[in-house]
Amino acid sequence: MSEVEREEIAVLQAPYRREVRLEEARYESGMVMFRVIIREGHRITQLDLDTETAAAWAKVMGEWAANH
């Protein structure tokens, strides 16, 4: 398995004692992904997003937040 270089972008404390960790993950191949790690107690969910998906998610979340 190839080595992944990770750089922390932010750590957010979410409701109900959840933590959202945002990172940049750089692979040996040169691929760069936006990594979202959600911790809920002992459960961990990790998503690696490409630039297009990250931009679309950011747009939807920004619009939702602006309307609430």
PDB file of N, CA and C in Angstrom:
ATOM      1  N   MET A   1       0.848  -1.181   0.000  1.00  0.00           N
ATOM      2  CA  MET A   1       0.000   0.000   0.000  1.00  0.00           C
ATOM      3  C   MET A   1       0.889   1.238   0.000  1.00  0.00           C
ATOM      4  N   SER A   2       0.513   2.247  -0.745  1.00  0.00           N
ATOM      5  CA  SER A   2       1.331   3.441  -0.853  1.00  0.00           C
ATOM      6  C   SER A   2       1.184   4.328   0.383  1.00  0.00           C
ATOM      7  N   GLU A   3       2.221   5.074   0.652  1.00  0.00           N
ATOM      8  CA  GLU A   3       2.258   5.987   1.789  1.00  0.00           C
ATOM      9  C   GLU A   3       1.384   7.212   1.499  1.00  0.00           C
ATOM     10  N   VAL A   4       0.672   7.688   2.513  1.00  0.00           N
ATOM     11  CA  VAL A   4      -0.180   8.865   2.389  1.00  0.00           C
ATOM     12  C   VAL A   4       0.365   9.934   3.325  1.00  0.00           C
ATOM     13  N   GLU A   5       0.619  11.122   2.776  1.00  0.00           N
ATOM     14  CA  GLU A   5       1.030  12.266   3.576  1.00  0.00           C
ATOM     15  C   GLU A   5      -0.225  13.030   3.933  1.00  0.00           C
ATOM     16  N   ARG A   6      -0.422  13.325   5.229  1.00  0.00           N
ATOM     17  CA  ARG A   6      -1.639  14.001   5.665  1.00  0.00           C
ATOM     18  C   ARG A   6      -1.303  15.342   6.302  1.00  0.00           C
ATOM     19  N   GLU A   7      -2.116  16.357   5.983  1.00  0.00           N
ATOM     20  CA  GLU A   7      -1.968  17.672   6.594  1.00  0.00           C
ATOM     21  C   GLU A   7      -3.313  18.091   7.169  1.00  0.00           C
ATOM     22  N   GLU A   8      -3.324  18.382   8.458  1.00  0.00           N
ATOM     23  CA  GLU A   8      -4.565  18.775   9.113  1.00  0.00           C
ATOM     24  C   GLU A   8      -4.997  20.156   8.650  1.00  0.00           C
ATOM     25  N   ILE A   9      -6.267  20.282   8.282  1.00  0.00           N
ATOM     26  CA  ILE A   9      -6.840  21.562   7.878  1.00  0.00           C
ATOM     27  C   ILE A   9      -7.630  22.161   9.039  1.00  0.00           C
ATOM     28  N   ALA A  10      -8.485  21.343   9.663  1.00  0.00           N
ATOM     29  CA  ALA A  10      -9.305  21.823  10.775  1.00  0.00           C
ATOM     30  C   ALA A  10      -9.861  20.638  11.552  1.00  0.00           C
ATOM     31  N   VAL A  11     -10.189  20.896  12.817  1.00  0.00           N
ATOM     32  CA  VAL A  11     -10.904  19.930  13.643  1.00  0.00           C
ATOM     33  C   VAL A  11     -12.102  20.674  14.215  1.00  0.00           C
ATOM     34  N   LEU A  12     -13.297  20.143  13.952  1.00  0.00           N
ATOM     35  CA  LEU A  12     -14.536  20.783  14.386  1.00  0.00           C
ATOM     36  C   LEU A  12     -15.233  19.909  15.419  1.00  0.00           C
ATOM     37  N   GLN A  13     -15.710  20.524  16.481  1.00  0.00           N
ATOM     38  CA  GLN A  13     -16.511  19.816  17.469  1.00  0.00           C
ATOM     39  C   GLN A  13     -17.964  19.959  17.043  1.00  0.00           C
ATOM     40  N   ALA A  14     -18.614  18.852  16.753  1.00  0.00           N
ATOM     41  CA  ALA A  14     -19.992  18.844  16.268  1.00  0.00           C
ATOM     42  C   ALA A  14     -20.944  18.460  17.412  1.00  0.00           C
ATOM     43  N   PRO A  15     -22.242  18.687  17.224  1.00  0.00           N
ATOM     44  CA  PRO A  15     -23.214  18.311  18.259  1.00  0.00           C
ATOM     45  C   PRO A  15     -23.127  16.826  18.627  1.00  0.00           C
ATOM     46  N   TYR A  16     -23.569  16.527  19.816  1.00  0.00           N
ATOM     47  CA  TYR A  16     -23.647  15.160  20.345  1.00  0.00           C
ATOM     48  C   TYR A  16     -22.273  14.511  20.458  1.00  0.00           C
ATOM     49  N   ARG A  17     -21.270  15.306  20.869  1.00  0.00           N
ATOM     50  CA  ARG A  17     -19.899  14.840  21.135  1.00  0.00           C
ATOM     51  C   ARG A  17     -19.256  14.181  19.916  1.00  0.00           C
ATOM     52  N   ARG A  18     -19.574  14.667  18.743  1.00  0.00           N
ATOM     53  CA  ARG A  18     -18.938  14.174  17.520  1.00  0.00           C
ATOM     54  C   ARG A  18     -17.795  15.112  17.147  1.00  0.00           C
ATOM     55  N   GLU A  19     -16.827  14.566  16.452  1.00  0.00           N
ATOM     56  CA  GLU A  19     -15.690  15.353  15.988  1.00  0.00           C
ATOM     57  C   GLU A  19     -15.551  15.170  14.487  1.00  0.00           C
ATOM     58  N   VAL A  20     -15.336  16.274  13.773  1.00  0.00           N
ATOM     59  CA  VAL A  20     -15.120  16.239  12.327  1.00  0.00           C
ATOM     60  C   VAL A  20     -13.704  16.756  12.079  1.00  0.00           C
ATOM     61  N   ARG A  21     -12.878  15.913  11.530  1.00  0.00           N
ATOM     62  CA  ARG A  21     -11.486  16.265  11.234  1.00  0.00           C
ATOM     63  C   ARG A  21     -11.357  16.398   9.714  1.00  0.00           C
ATOM     64  N   LEU A  22     -10.786  17.509   9.268  1.00  0.00           N
ATOM     65  CA  LEU A  22     -10.611  17.772   7.834  1.00  0.00           C
ATOM     66  C   LEU A  22      -9.115  17.791   7.534  1.00  0.00           C
ATOM     67  N   GLU A  23      -8.711  17.041   6.523  1.00  0.00           N
ATOM     68  CA  GLU A  23      -7.302  16.917   6.176  1.00  0.00           C
ATOM     69  C   GLU A  23      -7.105  16.952   4.668  1.00  0.00           C
ATOM     70  N   GLU A  24      -5.879  17.259   4.264  1.00  0.00           N
ATOM     71  CA  GLU A  24      -5.471  17.049   2.880  1.00  0.00           C
ATOM     72  C   GLU A  24      -4.632  15.785   2.874  1.00  0.00           C
ATOM     73  N   ALA A  25      -4.977  14.860   2.007  1.00  0.00           N
ATOM     74  CA  ALA A  25      -4.248  13.595   1.881  1.00  0.00           C
ATOM     75  C   ALA A  25      -3.533  13.582   0.539  1.00  0.00           C
ATOM     76  N   ARG A  26      -2.208  13.464   0.563  1.00  0.00           N
ATOM     77  CA  ARG A  26      -1.396  13.442  -0.659  1.00  0.00           C
ATOM     78  C   ARG A  26      -0.783  12.049  -0.804  1.00  0.00           C
ATOM     79  N   TYR A  27      -1.048  11.427  -1.937  1.00  0.00           N
ATOM     80  CA  TYR A  27      -0.553  10.081  -2.215  1.00  0.00           C
ATOM     81  C   TYR A  27       0.740  10.146  -3.019  1.00  0.00           C
ATOM     82  N   GLU A  28       1.518   9.072  -2.957  1.00  0.00           N
ATOM     83  CA  GLU A  28       2.785   8.987  -3.695  1.00  0.00           C
ATOM     84  C   GLU A  28       2.585   9.224  -5.185  1.00  0.00           C
ATOM     85  N   SER A  29       1.438   8.851  -5.698  1.00  0.00           N
ATOM     86  CA  SER A  29       1.143   8.999  -7.131  1.00  0.00           C
ATOM     87  C   SER A  29       0.966  10.461  -7.541  1.00  0.00           C
ATOM     88  N   GLY A  30       0.817  11.356  -6.549  1.00  0.00           N
ATOM     89  CA  GLY A  30       0.570  12.758  -6.833  1.00  0.00           C
ATOM     90  C   GLY A  30      -0.884  13.149  -6.649  1.00  0.00           C
ATOM     91  N   MET A  31      -1.758  12.164  -6.465  1.00  0.00           N
ATOM     92  CA  MET A  31      -3.174  12.438  -6.252  1.00  0.00           C
ATOM     93  C   MET A  31      -3.361  13.135  -4.903  1.00  0.00           C
ATOM     94  N   VAL A  32      -4.200  14.180  -4.889  1.00  0.00           N
ATOM     95  CA  VAL A  32      -4.497  14.919  -3.665  1.00  0.00           C
ATOM     96  C   VAL A  32      -6.001  14.846  -3.420  1.00  0.00           C
ATOM     97  N   MET A  33      -6.377  14.482  -2.196  1.00  0.00           N
ATOM     98  CA  MET A  33      -7.787  14.336  -1.842  1.00  0.00           C
ATOM     99  C   MET A  33      -8.087  15.157  -0.589  1.00  0.00           C
ATOM    100  N   PHE A  34      -9.346  15.570  -0.454  1.00  0.00           N
ATOM    101  CA  PHE A  34      -9.841  16.238   0.745  1.00  0.00           C
ATOM    102  C   PHE A  34     -10.429  15.147   1.625  1.00  0.00           C
ATOM    103  N   ARG A  35      -9.840  14.924   2.792  1.00  0.00           N
ATOM    104  CA  ARG A  35     -10.263  13.827   3.667  1.00  0.00           C
ATOM    105  C   ARG A  35     -11.149  14.358   4.786  1.00  0.00           C
ATOM    106  N   VAL A  36     -12.287  13.714   4.967  1.00  0.00           N
ATOM    107  CA  VAL A  36     -13.225  14.027   6.044  1.00  0.00           C
ATOM    108  C   VAL A  36     -13.276  12.807   6.956  1.00  0.00           C
ATOM    109  N   ILE A  37     -12.956  13.007   8.230  1.00  0.00           N
ATOM    110  CA  ILE A  37     -12.998  11.921   9.214  1.00  0.00           C
ATOM    111  C   ILE A  37     -14.001  12.323  10.285  1.00  0.00           C
ATOM    112  N   ILE A  38     -15.028  11.505  10.458  1.00  0.00           N
ATOM    113  CA  ILE A  38     -16.063  11.785  11.451  1.00  0.00           C
ATOM    114  C   ILE A  38     -15.957  10.737  12.552  1.00  0.00           C
ATOM    115  N   ARG A  39     -15.791  11.217  13.779  1.00  0.00           N
ATOM    116  CA  ARG A  39     -15.702  10.319  14.940  1.00  0.00           C
ATOM    117  C   ARG A  39     -16.974  10.444  15.759  1.00  0.00           C
ATOM    118  N   GLU A  40     -17.588   9.299  16.013  1.00  0.00           N
ATOM    119  CA  GLU A  40     -18.785   9.216  16.852  1.00  0.00           C
ATOM    120  C   GLU A  40     -18.512   8.140  17.886  1.00  0.00           C
ATOM    121  N   GLY A  41     -17.998   8.533  19.036  1.00  0.00           N
ATOM    122  CA  GLY A  41     -17.594   7.540  20.029  1.00  0.00           C
ATOM    123  C   GLY A  41     -16.460   6.698  19.473  1.00  0.00           C
ATOM    124  N   HIS A  42     -16.657   5.384  19.392  1.00  0.00           N
ATOM    125  CA  HIS A  42     -15.629   4.480  18.859  1.00  0.00           C
ATOM    126  C   HIS A  42     -15.740   4.302  17.345  1.00  0.00           C
ATOM    127  N   ARG A  43     -16.815   4.797  16.774  1.00  0.00           N
ATOM    128  CA  ARG A  43     -17.043   4.640  15.333  1.00  0.00           C
ATOM    129  C   ARG A  43     -16.344   5.761  14.555  1.00  0.00           C
ATOM    130  N   ILE A  44     -15.672   5.397  13.478  1.00  0.00           N
ATOM    131  CA  ILE A  44     -14.977   6.366  12.625  1.00  0.00           C
ATOM    132  C   ILE A  44     -15.407   6.151  11.188  1.00  0.00           C
ATOM    133  N   THR A  45     -15.804   7.241  10.529  1.00  0.00           N
ATOM    134  CA  THR A  45     -16.134   7.210   9.112  1.00  0.00           C
ATOM    135  C   THR A  45     -15.155   8.118   8.391  1.00  0.00           C
ATOM    136  N   GLN A  46     -14.531   7.615   7.342  1.00  0.00           N
ATOM    137  CA  GLN A  46     -13.556   8.395   6.574  1.00  0.00           C
ATOM    138  C   GLN A  46     -13.981   8.472   5.115  1.00  0.00           C
ATOM    139  N   LEU A  47     -13.988   9.691   4.575  1.00  0.00           N
ATOM    140  CA  LEU A  47     -14.309   9.921   3.163  1.00  0.00           C
ATOM    141  C   LEU A  47     -13.161  10.678   2.515  1.00  0.00           C
ATOM    142  N   ASP A  48     -12.720  10.226   1.371  1.00  0.00           N
ATOM    143  CA  ASP A  48     -11.748  10.960   0.575  1.00  0.00           C
ATOM    144  C   ASP A  48     -12.488  11.530  -0.625  1.00  0.00           C
ATOM    145  N   LEU A  49     -12.443  12.863  -0.781  1.00  0.00           N
ATOM    146  CA  LEU A  49     -13.184  13.536  -1.834  1.00  0.00           C
ATOM    147  C   LEU A  49     -12.238  14.166  -2.848  1.00  0.00           C
ATOM    148  N   ASP A  50     -12.608  14.078  -4.118  1.00  0.00           N
ATOM    149  CA  ASP A  50     -11.842  14.774  -5.156  1.00  0.00           C
ATOM    150  C   ASP A  50     -12.260  16.241  -5.160  1.00  0.00           C
ATOM    151  N   THR A  51     -11.592  17.057  -5.947  1.00  0.00           N
ATOM    152  CA  THR A  51     -11.865  18.499  -5.926  1.00  0.00           C
ATOM    153  C   THR A  51     -13.291  18.834  -6.353  1.00  0.00           C
ATOM    154  N   GLU A  52     -13.797  18.145  -7.347  1.00  0.00           N
ATOM    155  CA  GLU A  52     -15.151  18.441  -7.824  1.00  0.00           C
ATOM    156  C   GLU A  52     -16.200  18.118  -6.759  1.00  0.00           C
ATOM    157  N   THR A  53     -16.060  16.972  -6.106  1.00  0.00           N
ATOM    158  CA  THR A  53     -17.015  16.578  -5.070  1.00  0.00           C
ATOM    159  C   THR A  53     -16.911  17.497  -3.862  1.00  0.00           C
ATOM    160  N   ALA A  54     -15.690  17.859  -3.460  1.00  0.00           N
ATOM    161  CA  ALA A  54     -15.503  18.761  -2.322  1.00  0.00           C
ATOM    162  C   ALA A  54     -16.127  20.119  -2.609  1.00  0.00           C
ATOM    163  N   ALA A  55     -15.954  20.630  -3.825  1.00  0.00           N
ATOM    164  CA  ALA A  55     -16.518  21.930  -4.186  1.00  0.00           C
ATOM    165  C   ALA A  55     -18.049  21.880  -4.186  1.00  0.00           C
ATOM    166  N   ALA A  56     -18.631  20.811  -4.713  1.00  0.00           N
ATOM    167  CA  ALA A  56     -20.092  20.674  -4.736  1.00  0.00           C
ATOM    168  C   ALA A  56     -20.646  20.568  -3.316  1.00  0.00           C
ATOM    169  N   TRP A  57     -19.979  19.792  -2.459  1.00  0.00           N
ATOM    170  CA  TRP A  57     -20.409  19.633  -1.069  1.00  0.00           C
ATOM    171  C   TRP A  57     -20.333  20.981  -0.353  1.00  0.00           C
ATOM    172  N   ALA A  58     -19.244  21.712  -0.546  1.00  0.00           N
ATOM    173  CA  ALA A  58     -19.081  23.022   0.091  1.00  0.00           C
ATOM    174  C   ALA A  58     -20.193  23.976  -0.340  1.00  0.00           C
ATOM    175  N   LYS A  59     -20.550  23.952  -1.606  1.00  0.00           N
ATOM    176  CA  LYS A  59     -21.615  24.829  -2.130  1.00  0.00           C
ATOM    177  C   LYS A  59     -22.954  24.501  -1.480  1.00  0.00           C
ATOM    178  N   VAL A  60     -23.292  23.219  -1.439  1.00  0.00           N
ATOM    179  CA  VAL A  60     -24.564  22.795  -0.841  1.00  0.00           C
ATOM    180  C   VAL A  60     -24.600  23.142   0.648  1.00  0.00           C
ATOM    181  N   MET A  61     -23.520  22.873   1.377  1.00  0.00           N
ATOM    182  CA  MET A  61     -23.486  23.175   2.808  1.00  0.00           C
ATOM    183  C   MET A  61     -23.561  24.672   3.059  1.00  0.00           C
ATOM    184  N   GLY A  62     -22.849  25.466   2.238  1.00  0.00           N
ATOM    185  CA  GLY A  62     -22.890  26.918   2.395  1.00  0.00           C
ATOM    186  C   GLY A  62     -24.282  27.483   2.165  1.00  0.00           C
ATOM    187  N   GLU A  63     -24.946  26.984   1.135  1.00  0.00           N
ATOM    188  CA  GLU A  63     -26.317  27.430   0.854  1.00  0.00           C
ATOM    189  C   GLU A  63     -27.262  27.050   1.976  1.00  0.00           C
ATOM    190  N   TRP A  64     -27.124  25.841   2.481  1.00  0.00           N
ATOM    191  CA  TRP A  64     -27.990  25.402   3.592  1.00  0.00           C
ATOM    192  C   TRP A  64     -27.765  26.271   4.815  1.00  0.00           C
ATOM    193  N   ALA A  65     -26.506  26.507   5.179  1.00  0.00           N
ATOM    194  CA  ALA A  65     -26.182  27.308   6.363  1.00  0.00           C
ATOM    195  C   ALA A  65     -26.692  28.741   6.202  1.00  0.00           C
ATOM    196  N   ALA A  66     -26.567  29.311   5.008  1.00  0.00           N
ATOM    197  CA  ALA A  66     -27.017  30.674   4.769  1.00  0.00           C
ATOM    198  C   ALA A  66     -28.529  30.804   4.919  1.00  0.00           C
ATOM    199  N   ASN A  67     -29.263  29.738   4.642  1.00  0.00           N
ATOM    200  CA  ASN A  67     -30.726  29.765   4.722  1.00  0.00           C
ATOM    201  C   ASN A  67     -31.272  29.383   6.090  1.00  0.00           C
ATOM    202  N   HIS A  68     -30.403  29.024   7.008  1.00  0.00           N
ATOM    203  CA  HIS A  68     -30.863  28.646   8.341  1.00  0.00           C
ATOM    204  C   HIS A  68     -30.213  29.520   9.367  1.00  0.00           C
TER     205      HIS A  68
END
